[in-house]
């Protein structure tokens, strides 16, 4: 996946990479959209309805190619 945004060491987000940036930028990668069905499957799979576990599961799934 192509980077969709960049973040500086100081935590500043950039939507696009500046052409001649003097600061070090780390690329952030695009995540794919999940279907409602995928989200519901992840919700049912997470134990104890833990919101953090659910959020992490969604982020893992969305970052898969």
PDB file of N, CA and C in Angstrom:
ATOM      1  N   UNK A   1       0.835  -1.187   0.000  1.00  0.00           N
ATOM      2  CA  UNK A   1       0.000   0.000   0.000  1.00  0.00           C
ATOM      3  C   UNK A   1       0.875   1.244   0.000  1.00  0.00           C
ATOM      4  N   UNK A   2       0.413   2.259  -0.666  1.00  0.00           N
ATOM      5  CA  UNK A   2       1.148   3.516  -0.690  1.00  0.00           C
ATOM      6  C   UNK A   2       0.877   4.282   0.604  1.00  0.00           C
ATOM      7  N   UNK A   3       1.874   5.015   1.091  1.00  0.00           N
ATOM      8  CA  UNK A   3       1.623   5.828   2.277  1.00  0.00           C
ATOM      9  C   UNK A   3       0.509   6.836   2.009  1.00  0.00           C
ATOM     10  N   UNK A   4      -0.360   6.997   2.996  1.00  0.00           N
ATOM     11  CA  UNK A   4      -1.458   7.948   2.826  1.00  0.00           C
ATOM     12  C   UNK A   4      -1.223   9.223   3.615  1.00  0.00           C
ATOM     13  N   UNK A   5      -0.291   9.183   4.544  1.00  0.00           N
ATOM     14  CA  UNK A   5       0.031  10.347   5.368  1.00  0.00           C
ATOM     15  C   UNK A   5       1.406  10.120   5.974  1.00  0.00           C
ATOM     16  N   UNK A   6       1.914  11.163   6.588  1.00  0.00           N
ATOM     17  CA  UNK A   6       3.239  11.084   7.208  1.00  0.00           C
ATOM     18  C   UNK A   6       3.173  11.741   8.575  1.00  0.00           C
ATOM     19  N   UNK A   7       4.055  11.309   9.485  1.00  0.00           N
ATOM     20  CA  UNK A   7       4.137  11.907  10.814  1.00  0.00           C
ATOM     21  C   UNK A   7       5.594  12.273  11.087  1.00  0.00           C
ATOM     22  N   UNK A   8       5.790  13.427  11.712  1.00  0.00           N
ATOM     23  CA  UNK A   8       7.145  13.857  12.057  1.00  0.00           C
ATOM     24  C   UNK A   8       7.528  13.275  13.407  1.00  0.00           C
ATOM     25  N   UNK A   9       8.824  13.367  13.746  1.00  0.00           N
ATOM     26  CA  UNK A   9       9.275  12.890  15.051  1.00  0.00           C
ATOM     27  C   UNK A   9       8.579  13.627  16.193  1.00  0.00           C
ATOM     28  N   UNK A  10       8.147  14.860  15.928  1.00  0.00           N
ATOM     29  CA  UNK A  10       7.451  15.656  16.935  1.00  0.00           C
ATOM     30  C   UNK A  10       5.962  15.366  17.015  1.00  0.00           C
ATOM     31  N   UNK A  11       5.461  14.441  16.178  1.00  0.00           N
ATOM     32  CA  UNK A  11       4.062  14.054  16.230  1.00  0.00           C
ATOM     33  C   UNK A  11       3.136  14.884  15.361  1.00  0.00           C
ATOM     34  N   UNK A  12       3.694  15.657  14.434  1.00  0.00           N
ATOM     35  CA  UNK A  12       2.861  16.460  13.533  1.00  0.00           C
ATOM     36  C   UNK A  12       2.502  15.615  12.320  1.00  0.00           C
ATOM     37  N   UNK A  13       1.217  15.568  11.985  1.00  0.00           N
ATOM     38  CA  UNK A  13       0.745  14.787  10.846  1.00  0.00           C
ATOM     39  C   UNK A  13       0.736  15.625   9.577  1.00  0.00           C
ATOM     40  N   UNK A  14       1.123  15.011   8.473  1.00  0.00           N
ATOM     41  CA  UNK A  14       1.096  15.641   7.155  1.00  0.00           C
ATOM     42  C   UNK A  14       0.277  14.759   6.235  1.00  0.00           C
ATOM     43  N   UNK A  15      -0.678  15.350   5.534  1.00  0.00           N
ATOM     44  CA  UNK A  15      -1.490  14.578   4.603  1.00  0.00           C
ATOM     45  C   UNK A  15      -0.659  14.091   3.421  1.00  0.00           C
ATOM     46  N   UNK A  16       0.272  14.918   2.993  1.00  0.00           N
ATOM     47  CA  UNK A  16       1.173  14.560   1.903  1.00  0.00           C
ATOM     48  C   UNK A  16       2.596  14.899   2.318  1.00  0.00           C
ATOM     49  N   UNK A  17       3.544  14.250   1.703  1.00  0.00           N
ATOM     50  CA  UNK A  17       4.942  14.532   2.000  1.00  0.00           C
ATOM     51  C   UNK A  17       5.333  15.861   1.356  1.00  0.00           C
ATOM     52  N   UNK A  18       5.868  16.798   2.150  1.00  0.00           N
ATOM     53  CA  UNK A  18       6.346  18.050   1.546  1.00  0.00           C
ATOM     54  C   UNK A  18       7.451  17.747   0.541  1.00  0.00           C
ATOM     55  N   UNK A  19       7.512  18.476  -0.587  1.00  0.00           N
ATOM     56  CA  UNK A  19       8.480  18.162  -1.650  1.00  0.00           C
ATOM     57  C   UNK A  19       9.942  18.169  -1.195  1.00  0.00           C
ATOM     58  N   UNK A  20      10.349  19.156  -0.448  1.00  0.00           N
ATOM     59  CA  UNK A  20      11.738  19.243   0.009  1.00  0.00           C
ATOM     60  C   UNK A  20      11.768  19.355   1.526  1.00  0.00           C
ATOM     61  N   UNK A  21      11.225  18.354   2.175  1.00  0.00           N
ATOM     62  CA  UNK A  21      11.110  18.411   3.635  1.00  0.00           C
ATOM     63  C   UNK A  21      12.477  18.327   4.301  1.00  0.00           C
ATOM     64  N   UNK A  22      12.717  19.234   5.241  1.00  0.00           N
ATOM     65  CA  UNK A  22      13.957  19.237   6.013  1.00  0.00           C
ATOM     66  C   UNK A  22      13.810  18.386   7.278  1.00  0.00           C
ATOM     67  N   UNK A  23      12.591  17.972   7.570  1.00  0.00           N
ATOM     68  CA  UNK A  23      12.358  17.176   8.775  1.00  0.00           C
ATOM     69  C   UNK A  23      12.146  15.719   8.393  1.00  0.00           C
ATOM     70  N   UNK A  24      12.470  14.832   9.326  1.00  0.00           N
ATOM     71  CA  UNK A  24      12.311  13.406   9.074  1.00  0.00           C
ATOM     72  C   UNK A  24      10.842  13.034   9.232  1.00  0.00           C
ATOM     73  N   UNK A  25      10.276  12.428   8.197  1.00  0.00           N
ATOM     74  CA  UNK A  25       8.882  12.007   8.226  1.00  0.00           C
ATOM     75  C   UNK A  25       8.789  10.495   8.126  1.00  0.00           C
ATOM     76  N   UNK A  26       7.892   9.916   8.903  1.00  0.00           N
ATOM     77  CA  UNK A  26       7.638   8.481   8.867  1.00  0.00           C
ATOM     78  C   UNK A  26       6.325   8.251   8.127  1.00  0.00           C
ATOM     79  N   UNK A  27       6.331   7.395   7.103  1.00  0.00           N
ATOM     80  CA  UNK A  27       5.087   7.153   6.365  1.00  0.00           C
ATOM     81  C   UNK A  27       4.085   6.367   7.207  1.00  0.00           C
ATOM     82  N   UNK A  28       2.832   6.743   7.076  1.00  0.00           N
ATOM     83  CA  UNK A  28       1.735   6.001   7.679  1.00  0.00           C
ATOM     84  C   UNK A  28       1.003   5.326   6.527  1.00  0.00           C
ATOM     85  N   UNK A  29       0.639   4.104   6.699  1.00  0.00           N
ATOM     86  CA  UNK A  29       0.080   3.357   5.584  1.00  0.00           C
ATOM     87  C   UNK A  29      -1.436   3.323   5.620  1.00  0.00           C
ATOM     88  N   UNK A  30      -2.023   3.345   4.437  1.00  0.00           N
ATOM     89  CA  UNK A  30      -3.477   3.319   4.304  1.00  0.00           C
ATOM     90  C   UNK A  30      -4.020   1.987   4.804  1.00  0.00           C
ATOM     91  N   UNK A  31      -5.178   2.052   5.371  1.00  0.00           N
ATOM     92  CA  UNK A  31      -5.844   0.838   5.816  1.00  0.00           C
ATOM     93  C   UNK A  31      -7.067   0.633   4.946  1.00  0.00           C
ATOM     94  N   UNK A  32      -7.377  -0.597   4.696  1.00  0.00           N
ATOM     95  CA  UNK A  32      -8.554  -0.878   3.876  1.00  0.00           C
ATOM     96  C   UNK A  32      -9.810  -0.748   4.731  1.00  0.00           C
ATOM     97  N   UNK A  33     -10.911  -0.490   4.076  1.00  0.00           N
ATOM     98  CA  UNK A  33     -12.178  -0.399   4.782  1.00  0.00           C
ATOM     99  C   UNK A  33     -12.689  -1.795   5.075  1.00  0.00           C
ATOM    100  N   UNK A  34     -13.279  -1.973   6.243  1.00  0.00           N
ATOM    101  CA  UNK A  34     -13.879  -3.246   6.610  1.00  0.00           C
ATOM    102  C   UNK A  34     -15.370  -3.190   6.328  1.00  0.00           C
ATOM    103  N   UNK A  35     -15.918  -4.330   5.941  1.00  0.00           N
ATOM    104  CA  UNK A  35     -17.360  -4.401   5.734  1.00  0.00           C
ATOM    105  C   UNK A  35     -18.045  -4.487   7.091  1.00  0.00           C
ATOM    106  N   UNK A  36     -19.331  -4.217   7.102  1.00  0.00           N
ATOM    107  CA  UNK A  36     -20.104  -4.357   8.347  1.00  0.00           C
ATOM    108  C   UNK A  36     -20.009  -5.782   8.874  1.00  0.00           C
ATOM    109  N   UNK A  37     -20.031  -6.733   7.968  1.00  0.00           N
ATOM    110  CA  UNK A  37     -19.956  -8.149   8.369  1.00  0.00           C
ATOM    111  C   UNK A  37     -18.619  -8.444   9.061  1.00  0.00           C
ATOM    112  N   UNK A  38     -17.511  -7.939   8.489  1.00  0.00           N
ATOM    113  CA  UNK A  38     -16.193  -8.148   9.096  1.00  0.00           C
ATOM    114  C   UNK A  38     -16.128  -7.526  10.495  1.00  0.00           C
ATOM    115  N   UNK A  39     -16.692  -6.339  10.628  1.00  0.00           N
ATOM    116  CA  UNK A  39     -16.690  -5.676  11.929  1.00  0.00           C
ATOM    117  C   UNK A  39     -17.487  -6.484  12.949  1.00  0.00           C
ATOM    118  N   UNK A  40     -18.660  -6.970  12.538  1.00  0.00           N
ATOM    119  CA  UNK A  40     -19.489  -7.767  13.456  1.00  0.00           C
ATOM    120  C   UNK A  40     -18.798  -9.079  13.833  1.00  0.00           C
ATOM    121  N   UNK A  41     -18.113  -9.701  12.887  1.00  0.00           N
ATOM    122  CA  UNK A  41     -17.373 -10.935  13.184  1.00  0.00           C
ATOM    123  C   UNK A  41     -16.282 -10.659  14.219  1.00  0.00           C
ATOM    124  N   UNK A  42     -15.568  -9.563  14.060  1.00  0.00           N
ATOM    125  CA  UNK A  42     -14.527  -9.204  15.025  1.00  0.00           C
ATOM    126  C   UNK A  42     -15.126  -8.909  16.391  1.00  0.00           C
ATOM    127  N   UNK A  43     -16.257  -8.241  16.404  1.00  0.00           N
ATOM    128  CA  UNK A  43     -16.924  -7.910  17.658  1.00  0.00           C
ATOM    129  C   UNK A  43     -17.314  -9.188  18.403  1.00  0.00           C
ATOM    130  N   UNK A  44     -17.848 -10.159  17.676  1.00  0.00           N
ATOM    131  CA  UNK A  44     -18.267 -11.426  18.286  1.00  0.00           C
ATOM    132  C   UNK A  44     -17.066 -12.253  18.757  1.00  0.00           C
ATOM    133  N   UNK A  45     -15.935 -12.095  18.100  1.00  0.00           N
ATOM    134  CA  UNK A  45     -14.740 -12.879  18.442  1.00  0.00           C
ATOM    135  C   UNK A  45     -13.996 -12.332  19.651  1.00  0.00           C
ATOM    136  N   UNK A  46     -14.144 -11.046  19.948  1.00  0.00           N
ATOM    137  CA  UNK A  46     -13.401 -10.474  21.064  1.00  0.00           C
ATOM    138  C   UNK A  46     -14.047 -10.896  22.370  1.00  0.00           C
ATOM    139  N   UNK A  47     -13.214 -11.239  23.335  1.00  0.00           N
ATOM    140  CA  UNK A  47     -13.734 -11.753  24.600  1.00  0.00           C
ATOM    141  C   UNK A  47     -14.144 -10.630  25.539  1.00  0.00           C
ATOM    142  N   UNK A  48     -15.142 -10.875  26.331  1.00  0.00           N
ATOM    143  CA  UNK A  48     -15.607  -9.971  27.384  1.00  0.00           C
ATOM    144  C   UNK A  48     -16.008  -8.594  26.878  1.00  0.00           C
ATOM    145  N   UNK A  49     -16.272  -8.458  25.591  1.00  0.00           N
ATOM    146  CA  UNK A  49     -16.641  -7.165  25.016  1.00  0.00           C
ATOM    147  C   UNK A  49     -15.688  -6.056  25.446  1.00  0.00           C
ATOM    148  N   UNK A  50     -14.414  -6.378  25.537  1.00  0.00           N
ATOM    149  CA  UNK A  50     -13.388  -5.412  25.919  1.00  0.00           C
ATOM    150  C   UNK A  50     -13.194  -4.425  24.765  1.00  0.00           C
ATOM    151  N   UNK A  51     -13.481  -3.133  24.969  1.00  0.00           N
ATOM    152  CA  UNK A  51     -13.371  -2.175  23.860  1.00  0.00           C
ATOM    153  C   UNK A  51     -11.958  -2.052  23.310  1.00  0.00           C
ATOM    154  N   UNK A  52     -10.937  -2.190  24.147  1.00  0.00           N
ATOM    155  CA  UNK A  52      -9.560  -2.090  23.644  1.00  0.00           C
ATOM    156  C   UNK A  52      -9.196  -3.297  22.792  1.00  0.00           C
ATOM    157  N   UNK A  53      -9.617  -4.466  23.211  1.00  0.00           N
ATOM    158  CA  UNK A  53      -9.361  -5.679  22.433  1.00  0.00           C
ATOM    159  C   UNK A  53     -10.072  -5.582  21.079  1.00  0.00           C
ATOM    160  N   UNK A  54     -11.297  -5.089  21.089  1.00  0.00           N
ATOM    161  CA  UNK A  54     -12.067  -4.918  19.863  1.00  0.00           C
ATOM    162  C   UNK A  54     -11.381  -3.917  18.930  1.00  0.00           C
ATOM    163  N   UNK A  55     -10.942  -2.794  19.473  1.00  0.00           N
ATOM    164  CA  UNK A  55     -10.261  -1.778  18.663  1.00  0.00           C
ATOM    165  C   UNK A  55      -8.984  -2.329  18.056  1.00  0.00           C
ATOM    166  N   UNK A  56      -8.213  -3.060  18.843  1.00  0.00           N
ATOM    167  CA  UNK A  56      -6.964  -3.638  18.318  1.00  0.00           C
ATOM    168  C   UNK A  56      -7.250  -4.657  17.221  1.00  0.00           C
ATOM    169  N   UNK A  57      -8.310  -5.448  17.386  1.00  0.00           N
ATOM    170  CA  UNK A  57      -8.680  -6.434  16.371  1.00  0.00           C
ATOM    171  C   UNK A  57      -9.051  -5.739  15.061  1.00  0.00           C
ATOM    172  N   UNK A  58      -9.783  -4.651  15.159  1.00  0.00           N
ATOM    173  CA  UNK A  58     -10.162  -3.900  13.961  1.00  0.00           C
ATOM    174  C   UNK A  58      -8.923  -3.325  13.268  1.00  0.00           C
ATOM    175  N   UNK A  59      -8.020  -2.751  14.040  1.00  0.00           N
ATOM    176  CA  UNK A  59      -6.809  -2.187  13.433  1.00  0.00           C
ATOM    177  C   UNK A  59      -5.960  -3.268  12.759  1.00  0.00           C
ATOM    178  N   UNK A  60      -5.843  -4.423  13.403  1.00  0.00           N
ATOM    179  CA  UNK A  60      -5.082  -5.529  12.786  1.00  0.00           C
ATOM    180  C   UNK A  60      -5.711  -5.953  11.474  1.00  0.00           C
ATOM    181  N   UNK A  61      -7.030  -6.136  11.489  1.00  0.00           N
ATOM    182  CA  UNK A  61      -7.742  -6.598  10.294  1.00  0.00           C
ATOM    183  C   UNK A  61      -7.654  -5.566   9.166  1.00  0.00           C
ATOM    184  N   UNK A  62      -7.806  -4.291   9.498  1.00  0.00           N
ATOM    185  CA  UNK A  62      -7.780  -3.229   8.482  1.00  0.00           C
ATOM    186  C   UNK A  62      -6.396  -3.064   7.869  1.00  0.00           C
ATOM    187  N   UNK A  63      -5.352  -3.443   8.607  1.00  0.00           N
ATOM    188  CA  UNK A  63      -4.002  -3.278   8.077  1.00  0.00           C
ATOM    189  C   UNK A  63      -3.538  -4.484   7.258  1.00  0.00           C
ATOM    190  N   UNK A  64      -4.351  -5.547   7.230  1.00  0.00           N
ATOM    191  CA  UNK A  64      -4.016  -6.704   6.403  1.00  0.00           C
ATOM    192  C   UNK A  64      -4.155  -6.323   4.933  1.00  0.00           C
ATOM    193  N   UNK A  65      -3.316  -6.921   4.115  1.00  0.00           N
ATOM    194  CA  UNK A  65      -3.385  -6.641   2.658  1.00  0.00           C
ATOM    195  C   UNK A  65      -4.469  -7.412   2.020  1.00  0.00           C
TER     196      UNK A  65
END
